[in-house]
Amino acid sequence: MNYRLSGTRMDYKSTSPGSKQSRNTFNLNSTVKMHEKLSLDLVANYTNTETHNRSQLLGQVLGSLEVSLVVQKTCLF
C-alpha cells in the first residue's frame, strides 16, 4: 500500500478595503495492490474556501465551497 496526504493553507488580503479570502486544501492519493494484476487507486481532494467582502460580480461566478472525490480502479492484464 502506498499513500500520500498533503494539506495547504492560503490566506489572501485584497487591495479592496475589507476583502479577504482563506482556503484550506487537502489531498489524498493511495494505491492498494489487490492482486498480482489488480490494483486500486483512490484520489480524494477537499477544498474549503471562505471569502469576506467579495465583489458582487465575482461572488456570483464563484462558489464558496468546493468538494470533489474521484475514485479510479486500474486493472492490468
PDB file of N, CA and C in Angstrom:
ATOM      1  N   MET A   1       0.843  -1.183   0.000  1.00  0.00           N
ATOM      2  CA  MET A   1       0.000   0.000   0.000  1.00  0.00           C
ATOM      3  C   MET A   1       0.885   1.241   0.000  1.00  0.00           C
ATOM      4  N   ASN A   2       0.605   2.143  -0.915  1.00  0.00           N
ATOM      5  CA  ASN A   2       1.298   3.429  -0.985  1.00  0.00           C
ATOM      6  C   ASN A   2       0.273   4.529  -0.774  1.00  0.00           C
ATOM      7  N   TYR A   3       0.673   5.619  -0.107  1.00  0.00           N
ATOM      8  CA  TYR A   3      -0.245   6.726   0.072  1.00  0.00           C
ATOM      9  C   TYR A   3       0.519   8.027   0.199  1.00  0.00           C
ATOM     10  N   ARG A   4      -0.177   9.119  -0.121  1.00  0.00           N
ATOM     11  CA  ARG A   4       0.369  10.468   0.033  1.00  0.00           C
ATOM     12  C   ARG A   4      -0.768  11.363   0.513  1.00  0.00           C
ATOM     13  N   LEU A   5      -0.530  12.088   1.582  1.00  0.00           N
ATOM     14  CA  LEU A   5      -1.505  13.020   2.144  1.00  0.00           C
ATOM     15  C   LEU A   5      -0.853  14.392   2.192  1.00  0.00           C
ATOM     16  N   SER A   6      -1.545  15.406   1.690  1.00  0.00           N
ATOM     17  CA  SER A   6      -0.985  16.757   1.720  1.00  0.00           C
ATOM     18  C   SER A   6      -2.066  17.754   2.107  1.00  0.00           C
ATOM     19  N   GLY A   7      -1.626  18.878   2.642  1.00  0.00           N
ATOM     20  CA  GLY A   7      -2.536  19.950   3.029  1.00  0.00           C
ATOM     21  C   GLY A   7      -1.918  21.295   2.736  1.00  0.00           C
ATOM     22  N   THR A   8      -2.755  22.270   2.377  1.00  0.00           N
ATOM     23  CA  THR A   8      -2.292  23.613   2.049  1.00  0.00           C
ATOM     24  C   THR A   8      -3.234  24.632   2.673  1.00  0.00           C
ATOM     25  N   ARG A   9      -2.682  25.719   3.180  1.00  0.00           N
ATOM     26  CA  ARG A   9      -3.470  26.838   3.721  1.00  0.00           C
ATOM     27  C   ARG A   9      -3.042  28.092   2.966  1.00  0.00           C
ATOM     28  N   MET A  10      -4.003  28.838   2.408  1.00  0.00           N
ATOM     29  CA  MET A  10      -3.718  30.061   1.677  1.00  0.00           C
ATOM     30  C   MET A  10      -4.563  31.182   2.271  1.00  0.00           C
ATOM     31  N   ASP A  11      -3.908  32.281   2.641  1.00  0.00           N
ATOM     32  CA  ASP A  11      -4.599  33.474   3.112  1.00  0.00           C
ATOM     33  C   ASP A  11      -4.307  34.610   2.135  1.00  0.00           C
ATOM     34  N   TYR A  12      -5.355  35.308   1.694  1.00  0.00           N
ATOM     35  CA  TYR A  12      -5.218  36.365   0.704  1.00  0.00           C
ATOM     36  C   TYR A  12      -5.939  37.604   1.203  1.00  0.00           C
ATOM     37  N   LYS A  13      -5.263  38.748   1.158  1.00  0.00           N
ATOM     38  CA  LYS A  13      -5.885  40.014   1.521  1.00  0.00           C
ATOM     39  C   LYS A  13      -5.851  40.901   0.283  1.00  0.00           C
ATOM     40  N   SER A  14      -7.012  41.349  -0.155  1.00  0.00           N
ATOM     41  CA  SER A  14      -7.144  42.133  -1.377  1.00  0.00           C
ATOM     42  C   SER A  14      -6.733  43.580  -1.155  1.00  0.00           C
ATOM     43  N   THR A  15      -6.536  44.287  -2.264  1.00  0.00           N
ATOM     44  CA  THR A  15      -6.282  45.714  -2.186  1.00  0.00           C
ATOM     45  C   THR A  15      -7.570  46.487  -1.932  1.00  0.00           C
ATOM     46  N   SER A  16      -8.728  45.842  -2.145  1.00  0.00           N
ATOM     47  CA  SER A  16     -10.017  46.471  -1.813  1.00  0.00           C
ATOM     48  C   SER A  16     -10.203  46.433  -0.302  1.00  0.00           C
ATOM     49  N   PRO A  17     -10.688  47.516   0.298  1.00  0.00           N
ATOM     50  CA  PRO A  17     -10.854  47.557   1.751  1.00  0.00           C
ATOM     51  C   PRO A  17     -11.773  46.446   2.264  1.00  0.00           C
ATOM     52  N   GLY A  18     -11.306  45.692   3.244  1.00  0.00           N
ATOM     53  CA  GLY A  18     -12.106  44.664   3.895  1.00  0.00           C
ATOM     54  C   GLY A  18     -12.240  43.351   3.151  1.00  0.00           C
ATOM     55  N   SER A  19     -11.647  43.221   1.973  1.00  0.00           N
ATOM     56  CA  SER A  19     -11.747  41.981   1.201  1.00  0.00           C
ATOM     57  C   SER A  19     -10.636  41.022   1.599  1.00  0.00           C
ATOM     58  N   LYS A  20     -11.009  39.766   1.841  1.00  0.00           N
ATOM     59  CA  LYS A  20     -10.009  38.747   2.174  1.00  0.00           C
ATOM     60  C   LYS A  20     -10.561  37.370   1.838  1.00  0.00           C
ATOM     61  N   GLN A  21      -9.663  36.422   1.727  1.00  0.00           N
ATOM     62  CA  GLN A  21     -10.052  35.054   1.406  1.00  0.00           C
ATOM     63  C   GLN A  21      -9.075  34.098   2.083  1.00  0.00           C
ATOM     64  N   SER A  22      -9.613  32.973   2.565  1.00  0.00           N
ATOM     65  CA  SER A  22      -8.759  31.910   3.100  1.00  0.00           C
ATOM     66  C   SER A  22      -9.220  30.596   2.482  1.00  0.00           C
ATOM     67  N   ARG A  23      -8.267  29.726   2.189  1.00  0.00           N
ATOM     68  CA  ARG A  23      -8.577  28.452   1.541  1.00  0.00           C
ATOM     69  C   ARG A  23      -7.744  27.346   2.183  1.00  0.00           C
ATOM     70  N   ASN A  24      -8.419  26.245   2.508  1.00  0.00           N
ATOM     71  CA  ASN A  24      -7.770  25.032   3.006  1.00  0.00           C
ATOM     72  C   ASN A  24      -7.969  23.946   1.963  1.00  0.00           C
ATOM     73  N   THR A  25      -6.893  23.264   1.595  1.00  0.00           N
ATOM     74  CA  THR A  25      -6.962  22.199   0.600  1.00  0.00           C
ATOM     75  C   THR A  25      -6.267  20.966   1.158  1.00  0.00           C
ATOM     76  N   PHE A  26      -6.929  19.816   1.045  1.00  0.00           N
ATOM     77  CA  PHE A  26      -6.363  18.543   1.476  1.00  0.00           C
ATOM     78  C   PHE A  26      -6.452  17.547   0.329  1.00  0.00           C
ATOM     79  N   ASN A  27      -5.406  16.783   0.111  1.00  0.00           N
ATOM     80  CA  ASN A  27      -5.356  15.791  -0.957  1.00  0.00           C
ATOM     81  C   ASN A  27      -4.893  14.459  -0.393  1.00  0.00           C
ATOM     82  N   LEU A  28      -5.492  13.380  -0.888  1.00  0.00           N
ATOM     83  CA  LEU A  28      -5.089  12.026  -0.519  1.00  0.00           C
ATOM     84  C   LEU A  28      -4.992  11.202  -1.791  1.00  0.00           C
ATOM     85  N   ASN A  29      -3.840  10.606  -2.025  1.00  0.00           N
ATOM     86  CA  ASN A  29      -3.632   9.671  -3.128  1.00  0.00           C
ATOM     87  C   ASN A  29      -3.175   8.360  -2.516  1.00  0.00           C
ATOM     88  N   SER A  30      -3.822   7.271  -2.891  1.00  0.00           N
ATOM     89  CA  SER A  30      -3.493   5.976  -2.323  1.00  0.00           C
ATOM     90  C   SER A  30      -3.603   4.896  -3.394  1.00  0.00           C
ATOM     91  N   THR A  31      -2.699   3.939  -3.337  1.00  0.00           N
ATOM     92  CA  THR A  31      -2.729   2.787  -4.232  1.00  0.00           C
ATOM     93  C   THR A  31      -2.639   1.529  -3.393  1.00  0.00           C
ATOM     94  N   VAL A  32      -3.566   0.615  -3.628  1.00  0.00           N
ATOM     95  CA  VAL A  32      -3.588  -0.657  -2.918  1.00  0.00           C
ATOM     96  C   VAL A  32      -3.505  -1.766  -3.955  1.00  0.00           C
ATOM     97  N   LYS A  33      -2.531  -2.649  -3.798  1.00  0.00           N
ATOM     98  CA  LYS A  33      -2.406  -3.776  -4.707  1.00  0.00           C
ATOM     99  C   LYS A  33      -3.310  -4.895  -4.204  1.00  0.00           C
ATOM    100  N   MET A  34      -4.386  -5.140  -4.943  1.00  0.00           N
ATOM    101  CA  MET A  34      -5.374  -6.125  -4.543  1.00  0.00           C
ATOM    102  C   MET A  34      -4.937  -7.549  -4.899  1.00  0.00           C
ATOM    103  N   HIS A  35      -4.271  -7.664  -6.029  1.00  0.00           N
ATOM    104  CA  HIS A  35      -3.829  -8.952  -6.549  1.00  0.00           C
ATOM    105  C   HIS A  35      -2.615  -8.672  -7.421  1.00  0.00           C
ATOM    106  N   GLU A  36      -1.971  -9.703  -7.889  1.00  0.00           N
ATOM    107  CA  GLU A  36      -0.776  -9.525  -8.716  1.00  0.00           C
ATOM    108  C   GLU A  36      -1.035  -8.635  -9.931  1.00  0.00           C
ATOM    109  N   LYS A  37      -2.234  -8.738 -10.524  1.00  0.00           N
ATOM    110  CA  LYS A  37      -2.567  -7.963 -11.716  1.00  0.00           C
ATOM    111  C   LYS A  37      -3.685  -6.956 -11.490  1.00  0.00           C
ATOM    112  N   LEU A  38      -4.014  -6.685 -10.239  1.00  0.00           N
ATOM    113  CA  LEU A  38      -5.108  -5.767  -9.931  1.00  0.00           C
ATOM    114  C   LEU A  38      -4.692  -4.807  -8.820  1.00  0.00           C
ATOM    115  N   SER A  39      -4.842  -3.522  -9.097  1.00  0.00           N
ATOM    116  CA  SER A  39      -4.570  -2.519  -8.069  1.00  0.00           C
ATOM    117  C   SER A  39      -5.723  -1.519  -8.036  1.00  0.00           C
ATOM    118  N   LEU A  40      -5.898  -0.883  -6.891  1.00  0.00           N
ATOM    119  CA  LEU A  40      -6.965   0.086  -6.691  1.00  0.00           C
ATOM    120  C   LEU A  40      -6.320   1.424  -6.348  1.00  0.00           C
ATOM    121  N   ASP A  41      -6.652   2.469  -7.140  1.00  0.00           N
ATOM    122  CA  ASP A  41      -6.154   3.818  -6.890  1.00  0.00           C
ATOM    123  C   ASP A  41      -7.297   4.658  -6.332  1.00  0.00           C
ATOM    124  N   LEU A  42      -7.032   5.369  -5.243  1.00  0.00           N
ATOM    125  CA  LEU A  42      -8.014   6.253  -4.627  1.00  0.00           C
ATOM    126  C   LEU A  42      -7.431   7.657  -4.592  1.00  0.00           C
ATOM    127  N   VAL A  43      -8.170   8.613  -5.154  1.00  0.00           N
ATOM    128  CA  VAL A  43      -7.744  10.005  -5.155  1.00  0.00           C
ATOM    129  C   VAL A  43      -8.883  10.833  -4.570  1.00  0.00           C
ATOM    130  N   ALA A  44      -8.613  11.570  -3.496  1.00  0.00           N
ATOM    131  CA  ALA A  44      -9.631  12.415  -2.867  1.00  0.00           C
ATOM    132  C   ALA A  44      -9.062  13.814  -2.667  1.00  0.00           C
ATOM    133  N   ASN A  45      -9.846  14.824  -3.021  1.00  0.00           N
ATOM    134  CA  ASN A  45      -9.462  16.224  -2.854  1.00  0.00           C
ATOM    135  C   ASN A  45     -10.581  16.936  -2.106  1.00  0.00           C
ATOM    136  N   TYR A  46     -10.225  17.765  -1.136  1.00  0.00           N
ATOM    137  CA  TYR A  46     -11.198  18.565  -0.391  1.00  0.00           C
ATOM    138  C   TYR A  46     -10.698  20.000  -0.346  1.00  0.00           C
ATOM    139  N   THR A  47     -11.537  20.937  -0.770  1.00  0.00           N
ATOM    140  CA  THR A  47     -11.184  22.351  -0.748  1.00  0.00           C
ATOM    141  C   THR A  47     -12.285  23.122  -0.036  1.00  0.00           C
ATOM    142  N   ASN A  48     -11.903  23.942   0.934  1.00  0.00           N
ATOM    143  CA  ASN A  48     -12.835  24.787   1.659  1.00  0.00           C
ATOM    144  C   ASN A  48     -12.352  26.224   1.505  1.00  0.00           C
ATOM    145  N   THR A  49     -13.193  27.075   0.900  1.00  0.00           N
ATOM    146  CA  THR A  49     -12.831  28.470   0.665  1.00  0.00           C
ATOM    147  C   THR A  49     -13.789  29.372   1.416  1.00  0.00           C
ATOM    148  N   GLU A  50     -13.242  30.321   2.175  1.00  0.00           N
ATOM    149  CA  GLU A  50     -14.051  31.303   2.894  1.00  0.00           C
ATOM    150  C   GLU A  50     -13.650  32.685   2.405  1.00  0.00           C
ATOM    151  N   THR A  51     -14.642  33.455   1.924  1.00  0.00           N
ATOM    152  CA  THR A  51     -14.378  34.773   1.358  1.00  0.00           C
ATOM    153  C   THR A  51     -15.206  35.813   2.100  1.00  0.00           C
ATOM    154  N   HIS A  52     -14.578  36.949   2.398  1.00  0.00           N
ATOM    155  CA  HIS A  52     -15.261  38.043   3.079  1.00  0.00           C
ATOM    156  C   HIS A  52     -15.212  39.274   2.184  1.00  0.00           C
ATOM    157  N   ASN A  53     -16.380  39.880   1.948  1.00  0.00           N
ATOM    158  CA  ASN A  53     -16.500  41.123   1.192  1.00  0.00           C
ATOM    159  C   ASN A  53     -16.014  40.977  -0.250  1.00  0.00           C
ATOM    160  N   ARG A  54     -16.400  39.888  -0.891  1.00  0.00           N
ATOM    161  CA  ARG A  54     -16.050  39.684  -2.302  1.00  0.00           C
ATOM    162  C   ARG A  54     -16.891  40.628  -3.157  1.00  0.00           C
ATOM    163  N   SER A  55     -16.343  41.127  -4.260  1.00  0.00           N
ATOM    164  CA  SER A  55     -17.114  42.000  -5.134  1.00  0.00           C
ATOM    165  C   SER A  55     -18.325  41.229  -5.671  1.00  0.00           C
ATOM    166  N   GLN A  56     -19.448  41.905  -5.880  1.00  0.00           N
ATOM    167  CA  GLN A  56     -20.719  41.259  -6.215  1.00  0.00           C
ATOM    168  C   GLN A  56     -20.634  40.429  -7.492  1.00  0.00           C
ATOM    169  N   LEU A  57     -20.020  40.935  -8.545  1.00  0.00           N
ATOM    170  CA  LEU A  57     -19.959  40.207  -9.813  1.00  0.00           C
ATOM    171  C   LEU A  57     -19.153  38.928  -9.666  1.00  0.00           C
ATOM    172  N   LEU A  58     -18.009  38.997  -9.017  1.00  0.00           N
ATOM    173  CA  LEU A  58     -17.172  37.819  -8.825  1.00  0.00           C
ATOM    174  C   LEU A  58     -17.859  36.809  -7.906  1.00  0.00           C
ATOM    175  N   GLY A  59     -18.607  37.273  -6.913  1.00  0.00           N
ATOM    176  CA  GLY A  59     -19.306  36.392  -5.997  1.00  0.00           C
ATOM    177  C   GLY A  59     -20.385  35.567  -6.670  1.00  0.00           C
ATOM    178  N   GLN A  60     -20.976  36.084  -7.727  1.00  0.00           N
ATOM    179  CA  GLN A  60     -21.988  35.328  -8.453  1.00  0.00           C
ATOM    180  C   GLN A  60     -21.370  34.237  -9.313  1.00  0.00           C
ATOM    181  N   VAL A  61     -20.143  34.437  -9.761  1.00  0.00           N
ATOM    182  CA  VAL A  61     -19.474  33.485 -10.649  1.00  0.00           C
ATOM    183  C   VAL A  61     -18.858  32.334  -9.863  1.00  0.00           C
ATOM    184  N   LEU A  62     -18.238  32.631  -8.747  1.00  0.00           N
ATOM    185  CA  LEU A  62     -17.504  31.628  -7.973  1.00  0.00           C
ATOM    186  C   LEU A  62     -18.307  31.161  -6.767  1.00  0.00           C
ATOM    187  N   GLY A  63     -18.152  29.889  -6.401  1.00  0.00           N
ATOM    188  CA  GLY A  63     -18.792  29.355  -5.196  1.00  0.00           C
ATOM    189  C   GLY A  63     -17.866  29.488  -4.010  1.00  0.00           C
ATOM    190  N   SER A  64     -18.383  29.259  -2.806  1.00  0.00           N
ATOM    191  CA  SER A  64     -17.547  29.393  -1.616  1.00  0.00           C
ATOM    192  C   SER A  64     -17.157  28.056  -0.998  1.00  0.00           C
ATOM    193  N   LEU A  65     -17.691  26.948  -1.523  1.00  0.00           N
ATOM    194  CA  LEU A  65     -17.313  25.635  -1.017  1.00  0.00           C
ATOM    195  C   LEU A  65     -17.227  24.673  -2.180  1.00  0.00           C
ATOM    196  N   GLU A  66     -16.100  23.993  -2.286  1.00  0.00           N
ATOM    197  CA  GLU A  66     -15.886  23.064  -3.385  1.00  0.00           C
ATOM    198  C   GLU A  66     -15.377  21.749  -2.822  1.00  0.00           C
ATOM    199  N   VAL A  67     -16.052  20.655  -3.133  1.00  0.00           N
ATOM    200  CA  VAL A  67     -15.649  19.339  -2.667  1.00  0.00           C
ATOM    201  C   VAL A  67     -15.667  18.396  -3.855  1.00  0.00           C
ATOM    202  N   SER A  68     -14.592  17.636  -4.035  1.00  0.00           N
ATOM    203  CA  SER A  68     -14.578  16.663  -5.127  1.00  0.00           C
ATOM    204  C   SER A  68     -13.961  15.366  -4.638  1.00  0.00           C
ATOM    205  N   LEU A  69     -14.477  14.266  -5.152  1.00  0.00           N
ATOM    206  CA  LEU A  69     -13.972  12.948  -4.809  1.00  0.00           C
ATOM    207  C   LEU A  69     -13.944  12.127  -6.086  1.00  0.00           C
ATOM    208  N   VAL A  70     -12.766  11.567  -6.404  1.00  0.00           N
ATOM    209  CA  VAL A  70     -12.603  10.769  -7.613  1.00  0.00           C
ATOM    210  C   VAL A  70     -12.031   9.420  -7.199  1.00  0.00           C
ATOM    211  N   VAL A  71     -12.659   8.350  -7.649  1.00  0.00           N
ATOM    212  CA  VAL A  71     -12.170   7.011  -7.389  1.00  0.00           C
ATOM    213  C   VAL A  71     -11.870   6.369  -8.730  1.00  0.00           C
ATOM    214  N   GLN A  72     -10.666   5.835  -8.870  1.00  0.00           N
ATOM    215  CA  GLN A  72     -10.247   5.227 -10.133  1.00  0.00           C
ATOM    216  C   GLN A  72      -9.735   3.833  -9.854  1.00  0.00           C
ATOM    217  N   LYS A  73     -10.188   2.869 -10.618  1.00  0.00           N
ATOM    218  CA  LYS A  73      -9.747   1.491 -10.455  1.00  0.00           C
ATOM    219  C   LYS A  73      -8.981   1.087 -11.717  1.00  0.00           C
ATOM    220  N   THR A  74      -7.814   0.498 -11.542  1.00  0.00           N
ATOM    221  CA  THR A  74      -6.975   0.095 -12.669  1.00  0.00           C
ATOM    222  C   THR A  74      -6.762  -1.401 -12.614  1.00  0.00           C
ATOM    223  N   CYS A  75      -6.921  -2.045 -13.747  1.00  0.00           N
ATOM    224  CA  CYS A  75      -6.678  -3.486 -13.839  1.00  0.00           C
ATOM    225  C   CYS A  75      -5.735  -3.731 -14.996  1.00  0.00           C
ATOM    226  N   LEU A  76      -4.610  -4.335 -14.731  1.00  0.00           N
ATOM    227  CA  LEU A  76      -3.618  -4.626 -15.756  1.00  0.00           C
ATOM    228  C   LEU A  76      -3.585  -6.117 -16.036  1.00  0.00           C
ATOM    229  N   PHE A  77      -3.659  -6.482 -17.298  1.00  0.00           N
ATOM    230  CA  PHE A  77      -3.619  -7.901 -17.684  1.00  0.00           C
ATOM    231  C   PHE A  77      -2.345  -8.216 -18.406  1.00  0.00           C
TER     232      PHE A  77
END
